[in-house]
Protein backbone atom coordinates (compact mmCIF):
# COMPACT_ATOMS: atom_id res chain seq x y z
CA MET A 1 0.19 0.02 0.13
CA SER A 2 1.03 3.67 -1.03
CA PRO A 3 2.05 5.38 1.96
CA SER A 4 0.88 8.49 -0.19
CA LEU A 5 -2.78 7.78 0.48
CA SER A 6 -4.53 9.78 3.00
CA SER A 7 -7.54 9.22 5.26
CA PRO A 8 -10.26 7.52 3.29
CA TRP A 9 -8.69 5.80 1.75
CA ARG A 10 -5.93 4.54 3.43
CA GLU A 11 -7.85 2.75 5.27
CA PHE A 12 -11.11 0.65 2.49
CA LEU A 13 -8.43 -0.24 0.21
CA GLU A 14 -6.51 -2.06 3.44
CA GLU A 15 -9.67 -3.20 4.36
CA LEU A 16 -10.98 -3.96 0.77
CA ASP A 17 -7.41 -5.53 0.67
CA ALA A 18 -7.82 -8.01 3.88
CA LEU A 19 -11.46 -9.37 1.69
CA LEU A 20 -10.19 -10.06 -1.50
CA LYS A 21 -9.21 -13.71 -1.43
CA GLU A 22 -7.02 -13.48 -4.44
CA PRO A 23 -4.95 -9.79 -5.37
CA ILE A 24 -6.53 -7.36 -7.67
CA GLN A 25 -5.47 -4.91 -10.54
CA LEU A 26 -7.13 -1.89 -11.25
CA HIS A 27 -6.30 0.19 -13.72
CA CYS A 28 -7.61 3.62 -12.37
CA ILE A 29 -8.93 6.66 -14.41
CA GLY A 30 -10.32 10.17 -13.31
CA GLY A 31 -9.94 12.14 -9.60
CA PHE A 32 -8.28 9.87 -7.97
CA ALA A 33 -6.14 8.60 -10.72
CA VAL A 34 -4.34 12.67 -10.98
CA ALA A 35 -4.99 12.96 -7.21
CA MET A 36 -2.64 9.99 -6.38
CA GLY A 37 -0.59 9.93 -9.35
CA TYR A 38 -0.29 13.66 -8.66
CA GLY A 39 0.13 14.30 -4.96
CA LEU A 40 -2.76 17.35 -5.59
CA PRO A 41 -5.28 17.69 -3.70
CA ARG A 42 -8.09 17.56 -4.91
CA GLY A 43 -11.15 15.82 -3.25
CA THR A 44 -12.99 12.52 -4.79
CA ASN A 45 -15.29 9.84 -3.17
CA ASP A 46 -15.03 7.60 -5.95
CA LEU A 47 -12.25 4.87 -7.01
CA ASP A 48 -12.79 4.72 -11.07
CA TYR A 49 -11.63 1.91 -12.71
CA ARG A 50 -11.69 0.90 -16.48
CA THR A 51 -10.02 -2.60 -16.13
CA LEU A 52 -9.39 -4.74 -13.63
CA TYR A 53 -7.65 -7.97 -13.39
CA PRO A 54 -9.42 -10.75 -12.87
CA PHE A 55 -12.50 -9.11 -15.08
CA ASP A 56 -14.36 -12.00 -13.44
CA PHE A 57 -13.17 -10.49 -10.60
CA LEU A 58 -16.08 -7.35 -11.39
CA ASN A 59 -18.86 -8.46 -10.05
CA ASP A 60 -17.46 -8.89 -6.85
CA LEU A 61 -15.18 -6.41 -5.94
CA GLN A 62 -18.70 -4.25 -6.97
CA THR A 63 -20.72 -5.25 -4.20
CA MET A 64 -16.88 -5.28 -2.02
CA ALA A 65 -16.40 -2.76 -2.66
CA GLY A 66 -19.02 -0.30 -3.89
CA PRO A 67 -21.23 2.12 -3.76
CA GLY A 68 -23.98 1.28 -1.39
CA SER A 69 -21.37 -1.34 -0.10
CA ALA A 70 -20.90 -2.03 3.64
CA LEU A 71 -17.43 -0.98 3.45
CA ALA A 72 -18.61 2.50 0.95
CA GLN A 73 -21.29 2.85 3.56
CA ARG A 74 -18.41 2.69 6.77
CA HIS A 75 -15.60 4.65 4.90
CA LYS A 76 -17.92 7.46 2.99
CA VAL A 77 -15.84 6.52 -0.79
CA HIS A 78 -16.49 3.43 -3.13
CA VAL A 79 -15.14 1.88 -6.28
CA GLN A 80 -16.73 2.20 -9.23
CA HIS A 81 -16.30 0.62 -12.75
CA THR A 82 -16.29 3.14 -15.58
CA GLY A 83 -17.52 1.97 -19.79
CA VAL A 84 -15.06 4.73 -21.29
CA GLU A 85 -13.91 3.96 -24.15
CA SER A 86 -11.29 6.45 -25.09
CA ILE A 87 -8.07 5.33 -23.35
CA PRO A 88 -5.08 6.88 -25.54
CA GLU A 89 -3.56 3.77 -27.62
CA SER A 90 -1.04 2.05 -25.50
CA TYR A 91 -1.39 3.37 -22.43
CA GLU A 92 -1.97 -0.16 -20.37
CA ASP A 93 2.58 0.35 -21.89
CA ARG A 94 2.66 3.95 -19.35
CA THR A 95 1.89 2.81 -15.85
CA ASP A 96 4.32 1.86 -13.36
């Protein structure tokens, strides 16, 4: 877990991590990605993601941490799958 994550994201993601049966990978977009990637003091209550590996875990992740989940209600933040289709070519090659 990144030491730069602030509350409530740190606690939310640590609790989500403990609930997962196996590691997952999210390709985040939107305000959360910009704030975390560039260290901006922008608040957001959702972590938008376009891609999830393994993808067959999508419904489970949304149930565990999506809007209305117990985890989201506890921390007042949630994950949200987005259907964005206009991602730059080779964006996966640009990630760490």
